[in-house]
Amino acid sequence: MAQAVAEDLVRELAPQVLGTLVRRYGQFDACEDAVQEALLDATVQWPTKGMPENPRGWLLTVASRRLTDQWRSEAARRRREVTIGAQDPVLAPAPDDERAPDSDDTLALLFLCCHPTLSAPSQLALTLRAVGGLTTAQIASAFLVPEATMAQRISRAKQRIKAAGGSFAMPPQPELAARLRVVLHVLYLIFNEGYTATSGPDLHHGELTAEAIRLTRVVHRLLPDDGEVAGLLALMLLTEARRAARTRPDGTLVPLAEQDRGGWDRDLIDEGVALIGRTLERAPVGPYQVQAAIAAIHDEAASGTDTDWPQIVALYKVLERLAPNPMVTLNHAVALAMAEGPQAGLDLLAPLDADDRMARHHRLAAVRAHLLEMAGSPAAARDAYREAARRTASLPERRYLEDKAARL
């Protein structure tokens, strides 16, 4: 219990501590390494020696000492000490310093980790490590890559930010909205990878969904009037509410229509529904809000047959105008099939065969198989299920698709 409490607290404090150090000294890579070492010390010492009176001050002091040790050991010690001394002679506040962290620090740190010069995988990894407080080993495990590979990815990301002149500051107002969309997209990708892992033996990675929700809550607290931030948080809550019912005890995937809705988390649903309801009343409509509204309709339906499919179809039409992409069309086709019949959904799918982004994606074959089965074409559905099974790298999804093919 003490170990879990300590880990939760250090993850919450990680961006605050790192933000303070980077704001003072500007050396993101050195500060980030020092904070990671301090976090590791905390997770080892706090459960056995007890929580310090001021955990944030403790982490700042330990991380600052690590920075001092690092700078003293380098060949350019004299020059750096002079520079640091000119900036601020105090390395860290005393452990009893209760000054509240600058609320912009966490958001500025997110903007830095989601720097536009980085690839999406690098943005994900750097955000989880620097802002989420996860270790390199934890991130590597979640994404099923060797720890050395993930360490290289994170190191290259920090070097690229340095080379690009990335600064620890909020973007200028003309860039703020566009950069915020990048931050939200990274959080969305983290959540999606946790909710449906793209590869490996497990369907879920709960630590990723939990971290995505926690970080999005932080952004929502900092930007409470932004409709898309609220929409993304509501979408995550309404989706996460169904996670426990998505698999059987043996790990077998359970599709939405067959899930035991008594196993859904009603507290998350109530919070998500209330949040998206308030947001739609006052904010300009954006893609995350529309997706959250669709999720709310699913979650509030007593059963699959009670779902308001015409309303979902209408919302997907709005979403396709706001953010057209093949995944939206794919989900639109499923909703259309439920509202108007499987052939309507199959007709909507047809153009996706020519889309390079979807031509080899397992979900296109899986959705087509489902609609062919609904349409009473078992042989064609069986072939499509088998094709989808061959394309996916997720073992739970592959087993589910193979079972569907075998049943037909």
Protein backbone atom coordinates (compact mmCIF):
# COMPACT_ATOMS: atom_id res chain seq x y z
CA MET A 1 0.00 0.00 0.00
CA ALA A 2 2.80 2.41 0.98
CA GLN A 3 4.63 1.57 -2.24
CA ALA A 4 1.55 2.37 -4.34
CA VAL A 5 0.96 5.67 -2.50
CA ALA A 6 4.59 6.68 -3.02
CA GLU A 7 4.50 5.84 -6.73
CA ASP A 8 1.29 7.81 -7.24
CA LEU A 9 2.70 10.83 -5.45
CA VAL A 10 6.01 10.91 -7.32
CA ARG A 11 4.16 10.73 -10.65
CA GLU A 12 2.04 13.69 -9.59
CA LEU A 13 5.08 15.67 -8.47
CA ALA A 14 7.34 14.73 -11.41
CA PRO A 15 6.28 17.53 -13.80
CA GLN A 16 6.24 20.12 -11.01
CA VAL A 17 9.79 19.31 -9.95
CA LEU A 18 11.12 19.04 -13.49
CA GLY A 19 9.35 22.25 -14.48
CA THR A 20 10.96 24.14 -11.61
CA LEU A 21 14.45 22.90 -12.47
CA VAL A 22 14.14 23.52 -16.21
CA ARG A 23 12.70 26.98 -15.64
CA ARG A 24 15.75 27.82 -13.50
CA TYR A 25 18.56 26.24 -15.43
CA GLY A 26 17.20 25.59 -18.91
CA GLN A 27 19.08 22.31 -19.42
CA PHE A 28 16.18 19.98 -20.10
CA ASP A 29 18.14 16.77 -20.63
CA ALA A 30 20.30 17.16 -17.51
CA CYS A 31 17.34 18.22 -15.36
CA GLU A 32 15.19 15.35 -16.62
CA ASP A 33 17.88 12.78 -15.80
CA ALA A 34 18.32 14.25 -12.33
CA VAL A 35 14.58 14.19 -11.64
CA GLN A 36 14.31 10.56 -12.76
CA GLU A 37 17.05 9.59 -10.32
CA ALA A 38 15.30 11.51 -7.53
CA LEU A 39 12.01 9.76 -8.33
CA LEU A 40 13.69 6.37 -8.16
CA ASP A 41 15.21 7.28 -4.79
CA ALA A 42 11.77 8.33 -3.55
CA THR A 43 10.03 5.12 -4.58
CA VAL A 44 12.73 3.13 -2.74
CA GLN A 45 13.07 5.25 0.41
CA TRP A 46 9.60 6.63 1.14
CA PRO A 47 7.79 3.30 1.65
CA THR A 48 10.41 2.17 4.20
CA LYS A 49 11.61 5.40 5.80
CA GLY A 50 8.34 7.30 5.69
CA MET A 51 7.03 10.20 3.66
CA PRO A 52 8.90 13.52 4.10
CA GLU A 53 6.91 16.47 5.38
CA ASN A 54 7.36 18.28 2.07
CA PRO A 55 7.70 15.62 -0.69
CA ARG A 56 8.09 18.21 -3.45
CA GLY A 57 10.86 20.02 -1.59
CA TRP A 58 12.59 16.68 -0.93
CA LEU A 59 12.54 15.80 -4.62
CA LEU A 60 13.79 19.27 -5.60
CA THR A 61 16.68 19.02 -3.15
CA VAL A 62 17.71 15.51 -4.24
CA ALA A 63 17.42 16.31 -7.95
CA SER A 64 19.38 19.55 -7.51
CA ARG A 65 22.16 17.69 -5.74
CA ARG A 66 22.31 15.24 -8.64
CA LEU A 67 22.64 18.19 -11.01
CA THR A 68 25.48 19.61 -8.91
CA ASP A 69 27.32 16.28 -8.89
CA GLN A 70 26.92 15.97 -12.64
CA TRP A 71 28.19 19.47 -13.40
CA ARG A 72 31.17 19.11 -11.03
CA SER A 73 32.28 15.94 -12.75
CA GLU A 74 32.42 17.46 -16.22
CA ALA A 75 35.45 18.99 -17.86
CA ALA A 76 33.77 22.38 -18.16
CA ARG A 77 33.05 22.60 -14.43
CA ARG A 78 34.45 26.12 -13.90
CA ARG A 79 32.58 27.71 -16.79
CA ARG A 80 29.29 26.10 -15.86
CA GLU A 81 29.59 26.99 -12.19
CA VAL A 82 30.15 30.62 -13.12
CA THR A 83 27.12 30.59 -15.43
CA ILE A 84 24.89 28.91 -12.87
CA GLY A 85 26.06 31.19 -10.12
CA ALA A 86 25.16 34.21 -12.21
CA GLN A 87 21.67 32.87 -12.82
CA ASP A 88 20.74 31.79 -9.34
CA PRO A 89 23.07 30.92 -6.46
CA VAL A 90 20.44 28.75 -4.77
CA LEU A 91 20.06 25.31 -6.26
CA ALA A 92 16.75 24.47 -4.63
CA PRO A 93 14.34 25.73 -2.00
CA ALA A 94 14.72 24.38 1.48
CA PRO A 95 12.70 21.24 2.19
CA ASP A 96 10.16 23.31 4.15
CA ASP A 97 9.62 25.81 1.30
CA GLU A 98 5.90 25.66 0.57
CA ARG A 99 5.88 27.99 -2.44
CA ALA A 100 3.24 26.70 -4.84
CA PRO A 101 4.61 25.54 -8.18
CA ASP A 102 3.94 27.77 -11.15
CA SER A 103 0.76 26.36 -12.70
CA ASP A 104 2.18 27.01 -16.16
CA ASP A 105 5.20 24.74 -15.54
CA THR A 106 3.39 21.47 -16.19
CA LEU A 107 1.73 22.79 -19.32
CA ALA A 108 4.99 24.28 -20.60
CA LEU A 109 6.66 20.93 -19.97
CA LEU A 110 3.97 19.14 -21.98
CA PHE A 111 4.47 21.57 -24.85
CA LEU A 112 8.22 20.93 -24.72
CA CYS A 113 7.82 17.12 -24.75
CA CYS A 114 5.36 17.40 -27.66
CA HIS A 115 7.73 19.58 -29.68
CA PRO A 116 6.68 19.52 -33.36
CA THR A 117 10.14 18.42 -34.51
CA LEU A 118 9.68 15.06 -32.73
CA SER A 119 8.03 12.00 -34.20
CA ALA A 120 4.84 10.76 -32.55
CA PRO A 121 6.61 7.77 -30.86
CA SER A 122 9.23 10.12 -29.43
CA GLN A 123 6.58 12.53 -28.18
CA LEU A 124 4.77 9.65 -26.46
CA ALA A 125 7.90 8.29 -24.80
CA LEU A 126 9.22 11.66 -23.65
CA THR A 127 5.84 12.73 -22.27
CA LEU A 128 5.45 9.51 -20.28
CA ARG A 129 8.93 9.80 -18.83
CA ALA A 130 9.28 13.54 -18.19
CA VAL A 131 5.68 14.45 -17.36
CA GLY A 132 4.28 11.08 -16.34
CA GLY A 133 7.20 10.08 -14.16
CA LEU A 134 7.38 6.56 -15.61
CA THR A 135 10.77 4.90 -15.79
CA THR A 136 12.31 3.95 -19.11
CA ALA A 137 11.78 0.29 -18.22
CA GLN A 138 8.05 0.85 -17.59
CA ILE A 139 7.59 2.68 -20.89
CA ALA A 140 9.53 0.02 -22.79
CA SER A 141 7.39 -2.70 -21.24
CA ALA A 142 4.16 -0.93 -22.20
CA PHE A 143 5.27 -0.53 -25.82
CA LEU A 144 6.88 -4.00 -25.99
CA VAL A 145 10.34 -2.83 -26.98
CA PRO A 146 13.70 -3.47 -25.26
CA GLU A 147 14.62 -1.00 -22.55
CA ALA A 148 17.80 -0.05 -24.45
CA THR A 149 15.73 0.81 -27.52
CA MET A 150 13.40 3.02 -25.50
CA ALA A 151 16.35 4.69 -23.76
CA GLN A 152 17.85 5.55 -27.15
CA ARG A 153 14.52 6.92 -28.36
CA ILE A 154 14.18 9.18 -25.32
CA SER A 155 17.81 10.31 -25.57
CA ARG A 156 17.43 11.17 -29.26
CA ALA A 157 14.23 13.08 -28.52
CA LYS A 158 15.97 15.25 -25.94
CA GLN A 159 18.88 15.87 -28.32
CA ARG A 160 16.49 16.84 -31.10
CA ILE A 161 14.69 19.33 -28.84
CA LYS A 162 18.05 20.84 -27.88
CA ALA A 163 19.17 21.08 -31.51
CA ALA A 164 15.86 22.68 -32.51
CA GLY A 165 16.23 25.33 -29.82
CA GLY A 166 13.13 24.21 -27.94
CA SER A 167 12.57 26.45 -24.94
CA PHE A 168 10.79 25.92 -21.65
CA ALA A 169 8.05 28.46 -22.18
CA MET A 170 4.47 28.66 -23.30
CA PRO A 171 4.21 29.08 -27.08
CA PRO A 172 3.32 32.57 -28.33
CA GLN A 173 -0.41 33.17 -28.59
CA PRO A 174 -0.65 32.65 -32.39
CA GLU A 175 0.86 29.15 -31.98
CA LEU A 176 -0.84 28.18 -28.74
CA ALA A 177 -3.98 26.55 -30.17
CA ALA A 178 -2.09 24.48 -32.74
CA ARG A 179 0.50 23.32 -30.20
CA LEU A 180 -2.22 22.45 -27.70
CA ARG A 181 -3.82 20.20 -30.34
CA VAL A 182 -0.50 18.33 -30.57
CA VAL A 183 -0.43 17.86 -26.79
CA LEU A 184 -4.01 16.56 -26.78
CA HIS A 185 -3.25 14.21 -29.68
CA VAL A 186 -0.28 12.74 -27.81
CA LEU A 187 -2.44 12.16 -24.72
CA TYR A 188 -5.11 10.60 -26.96
CA LEU A 189 -2.53 8.23 -28.49
CA ILE A 190 -1.23 7.23 -25.05
CA PHE A 191 -4.76 6.40 -23.95
CA ASN A 192 -5.54 4.43 -27.11
CA GLU A 193 -2.38 2.35 -26.82
CA GLY A 194 -3.32 1.53 -23.24
CA TYR A 195 -6.94 0.74 -24.04
CA THR A 196 -6.23 -1.45 -27.09
CA ALA A 197 -2.57 -2.40 -27.34
CA THR A 198 -1.40 -2.52 -30.93
CA SER A 199 0.65 -5.67 -30.30
CA GLY A 200 1.48 -8.28 -27.69
CA PRO A 201 -0.36 -10.75 -25.46
CA ASP A 202 -2.54 -8.26 -23.54
CA LEU A 203 -5.48 -6.26 -24.81
CA HIS A 204 -4.98 -3.50 -22.21
CA HIS A 205 -2.13 -1.64 -20.55
CA GLY A 206 -3.88 -0.12 -17.57
CA GLU A 207 -0.90 2.01 -16.54
CA LEU A 208 -1.09 3.88 -19.84
CA THR A 209 -4.83 4.60 -19.70
CA ALA A 210 -4.48 5.71 -16.07
CA GLU A 211 -1.54 7.98 -16.93
CA ALA A 212 -3.33 9.48 -19.94
CA ILE A 213 -6.39 10.27 -17.81
CA ARG A 214 -4.25 11.74 -15.02
CA LEU A 215 -2.31 14.00 -17.37
CA THR A 216 -5.47 15.11 -19.17
CA ARG A 217 -7.01 16.00 -15.82
CA VAL A 218 -3.95 18.16 -15.15
CA VAL A 219 -4.37 19.98 -18.47
CA HIS A 220 -8.11 20.40 -17.78
CA ARG A 221 -7.37 21.98 -14.39
CA LEU A 222 -4.94 24.39 -16.07
CA LEU A 223 -7.27 25.16 -19.02
CA PRO A 224 -10.79 24.64 -17.63
CA ASP A 225 -12.47 26.73 -20.35
CA ASP A 226 -11.01 24.83 -23.31
CA GLY A 227 -13.79 22.70 -24.79
CA GLU A 228 -11.54 20.19 -26.52
CA VAL A 229 -9.51 19.53 -23.36
CA ALA A 230 -12.76 18.81 -21.52
CA GLY A 231 -14.01 16.76 -24.46
CA LEU A 232 -10.90 14.59 -24.48
CA LEU A 233 -11.11 14.00 -20.73
CA ALA A 234 -14.79 13.06 -21.03
CA LEU A 235 -14.01 10.70 -23.92
CA MET A 236 -11.32 8.95 -21.89
CA LEU A 237 -13.57 8.58 -18.83
CA LEU A 238 -16.51 7.23 -20.83
CA THR A 239 -14.28 4.77 -22.68
CA GLU A 240 -12.29 3.64 -19.65
CA ALA A 241 -15.58 2.93 -17.86
CA ARG A 242 -16.08 -0.11 -20.13
CA ARG A 243 -12.57 -1.55 -19.85
CA ALA A 244 -13.21 -4.17 -17.17
CA ALA A 245 -16.02 -5.73 -19.23
CA ARG A 246 -14.00 -5.94 -22.47
CA THR A 247 -12.30 -9.21 -21.57
CA ARG A 248 -13.28 -12.47 -19.89
CA PRO A 249 -11.17 -13.93 -17.06
CA ASP A 250 -9.13 -15.88 -19.61
CA GLY A 251 -8.34 -12.69 -21.55
CA THR A 252 -10.81 -13.36 -24.37
CA LEU A 253 -12.07 -10.18 -26.04
CA VAL A 254 -15.75 -9.31 -25.54
CA PRO A 255 -17.28 -6.98 -28.18
CA LEU A 256 -19.38 -4.02 -27.04
CA ALA A 257 -22.72 -5.61 -27.91
CA GLU A 258 -21.98 -8.66 -25.71
CA GLN A 259 -20.49 -6.90 -22.68
CA ASP A 260 -22.06 -7.16 -19.24
CA ARG A 261 -23.00 -3.54 -18.69
CA GLY A 262 -23.31 -4.20 -14.98
CA GLY A 263 -19.51 -4.38 -15.00
CA TRP A 264 -19.14 -0.86 -16.36
CA ASP A 265 -17.87 1.81 -13.96
CA ARG A 266 -20.90 3.99 -13.27
CA ASP A 267 -18.88 6.65 -11.44
CA LEU A 268 -16.70 7.24 -14.50
CA ILE A 269 -19.78 7.26 -16.75
CA ASP A 270 -21.58 9.80 -14.56
CA GLU A 271 -18.50 12.03 -14.44
CA GLY A 272 -17.95 11.79 -18.20
CA VAL A 273 -21.59 12.43 -19.10
CA ALA A 274 -21.79 15.44 -16.80
CA LEU A 275 -18.53 16.85 -18.17
CA ILE A 276 -19.45 16.55 -21.85
CA GLY A 277 -22.94 17.88 -21.14
CA ARG A 278 -21.54 21.05 -19.57
CA THR A 279 -18.94 21.45 -22.30
CA LEU A 280 -21.31 21.14 -25.25
CA GLU A 281 -23.47 23.86 -23.74
CA ARG A 282 -20.73 26.51 -23.66
CA ALA A 283 -17.80 25.67 -25.96
CA PRO A 284 -17.39 25.60 -29.75
CA VAL A 285 -17.84 22.00 -30.87
CA GLY A 286 -14.65 20.06 -31.66
CA PRO A 287 -13.78 16.47 -32.62
CA TYR A 288 -13.04 15.23 -29.10
CA GLN A 289 -16.35 16.58 -27.85
CA VAL A 290 -18.25 14.79 -30.63
CA GLN A 291 -16.44 11.53 -29.88
CA ALA A 292 -17.28 11.94 -26.20
CA ALA A 293 -20.95 12.52 -27.07
CA ILE A 294 -20.96 9.28 -29.08
CA ALA A 295 -19.35 7.42 -26.16
CA ALA A 296 -21.96 8.88 -23.80
CA ILE A 297 -24.82 7.51 -25.94
CA HIS A 298 -23.24 4.05 -25.83
CA ASP A 299 -22.67 4.21 -22.08
CA GLU A 300 -26.16 5.44 -21.22
CA ALA A 301 -27.95 2.75 -23.27
CA ALA A 302 -29.36 -0.08 -21.16
CA SER A 303 -28.39 -2.60 -23.86
CA GLY A 304 -27.01 -2.76 -27.38
CA THR A 305 -30.51 -2.87 -28.86
CA ASP A 306 -31.50 0.24 -26.87
CA THR A 307 -28.65 2.29 -28.35
CA ASP A 308 -29.77 5.37 -30.27
CA TRP A 309 -28.00 4.44 -33.52
CA PRO A 310 -29.60 7.19 -35.67
CA GLN A 311 -28.25 9.78 -33.24
CA ILE A 312 -24.80 8.18 -33.38
CA VAL A 313 -24.91 8.23 -37.19
CA ALA A 314 -25.76 11.93 -37.09
CA LEU A 315 -22.83 12.59 -34.78
CA TYR A 316 -20.44 10.67 -37.04
CA LYS A 317 -21.54 12.88 -39.93
CA VAL A 318 -20.59 15.91 -37.84
CA LEU A 319 -17.29 14.29 -36.89
CA GLU A 320 -16.46 13.56 -40.54
CA ARG A 321 -16.92 17.25 -41.33
CA LEU A 322 -14.76 18.36 -38.40
CA ALA A 323 -11.97 15.77 -38.64
CA PRO A 324 -12.27 13.50 -41.68
CA ASN A 325 -10.13 10.38 -41.51
CA PRO A 326 -10.57 6.71 -42.42
CA MET A 327 -11.05 5.53 -38.83
CA VAL A 328 -14.01 7.86 -38.46
CA THR A 329 -15.49 6.45 -41.69
CA LEU A 330 -14.93 2.92 -40.40
CA ASN A 331 -16.85 3.60 -37.18
CA HIS A 332 -19.49 5.53 -39.13
CA ALA A 333 -20.03 2.43 -41.29
CA VAL A 334 -20.71 0.26 -38.23
CA ALA A 335 -23.22 2.76 -36.85
CA LEU A 336 -24.89 3.11 -40.25
CA ALA A 337 -25.21 -0.67 -40.53
CA MET A 338 -26.92 -0.79 -37.13
CA ALA A 339 -29.29 2.03 -38.08
CA GLU A 340 -30.07 1.24 -41.74
CA GLY A 341 -28.83 -2.29 -42.38
CA PRO A 342 -25.51 -3.97 -43.20
CA GLN A 343 -25.48 -3.11 -46.91
CA ALA A 344 -25.50 0.61 -46.12
CA GLY A 345 -22.42 0.09 -43.96
CA LEU A 346 -20.67 -2.03 -46.60
CA ASP A 347 -21.29 0.66 -49.22
CA LEU A 348 -19.68 3.25 -46.97
CA LEU A 349 -16.65 0.98 -46.47
CA ALA A 350 -15.98 0.46 -50.18
CA PRO A 351 -13.93 3.65 -50.81
CA LEU A 352 -11.56 2.74 -47.96
CA ASP A 353 -10.07 -0.06 -50.06
CA ALA A 354 -8.32 2.63 -52.10
CA ASP A 355 -7.02 4.47 -49.02
CA ASP A 356 -3.35 3.61 -48.47
CA ARG A 357 -3.72 4.25 -44.74
CA MET A 358 -6.35 1.51 -44.42
CA ALA A 359 -5.60 -0.96 -47.22
CA ARG A 360 -3.63 -3.29 -44.91
CA HIS A 361 -5.22 -2.35 -41.58
CA HIS A 362 -6.83 -5.26 -39.75
CA ARG A 363 -9.79 -3.17 -38.60
CA LEU A 364 -11.04 -2.63 -42.14
CA ALA A 365 -11.14 -6.38 -42.75
CA ALA A 366 -12.68 -7.00 -39.30
CA VAL A 367 -15.48 -4.48 -39.78
CA ARG A 368 -16.20 -5.79 -43.28
CA ALA A 369 -16.36 -9.34 -41.86
CA HIS A 370 -18.83 -8.25 -39.19
CA LEU A 371 -21.09 -6.51 -41.70
CA LEU A 372 -20.93 -9.47 -44.12
CA GLU A 373 -21.95 -11.75 -41.28
CA MET A 374 -24.87 -9.41 -40.49
CA ALA A 375 -25.81 -9.48 -44.19
CA GLY A 376 -26.01 -13.29 -44.23
CA SER A 377 -22.82 -13.98 -46.23
CA PRO A 378 -20.99 -16.46 -43.96
CA ALA A 379 -18.36 -17.62 -46.46
CA ALA A 380 -17.27 -14.08 -47.35
CA ALA A 381 -17.39 -13.10 -43.68
CA ARG A 382 -15.20 -16.08 -42.73
CA ASP A 383 -12.57 -15.09 -45.30
CA ALA A 384 -12.60 -11.49 -44.08
CA TYR A 385 -12.23 -12.57 -40.43
CA ARG A 386 -9.24 -14.71 -41.38
CA GLU A 387 -7.69 -11.82 -43.28
CA ALA A 388 -8.15 -9.52 -40.30
CA ALA A 389 -6.59 -12.12 -37.98
CA ARG A 390 -3.52 -12.32 -40.21
CA ARG A 391 -3.09 -8.55 -40.19
CA THR A 392 -3.31 -7.81 -36.46
CA ALA A 393 -0.31 -7.97 -34.11
CA SER A 394 -2.55 -8.12 -31.01
CA LEU A 395 -2.86 -11.68 -29.74
CA PRO A 396 -6.27 -11.19 -28.03
CA GLU A 397 -7.70 -9.65 -31.19
CA ARG A 398 -6.20 -12.40 -33.34
CA ARG A 399 -7.73 -15.13 -31.17
CA TYR A 400 -11.11 -13.41 -31.26
CA LEU A 401 -11.05 -13.05 -35.06
CA GLU A 402 -9.89 -16.63 -35.57
CA ASP A 403 -12.68 -17.85 -33.30
CA LYS A 404 -15.23 -15.87 -35.30
CA ALA A 405 -13.92 -17.40 -38.54
CA ALA A 406 -13.97 -20.91 -37.09
CA ARG A 407 -17.56 -20.50 -35.86
CA LEU A 408 -18.65 -19.61 -39.38
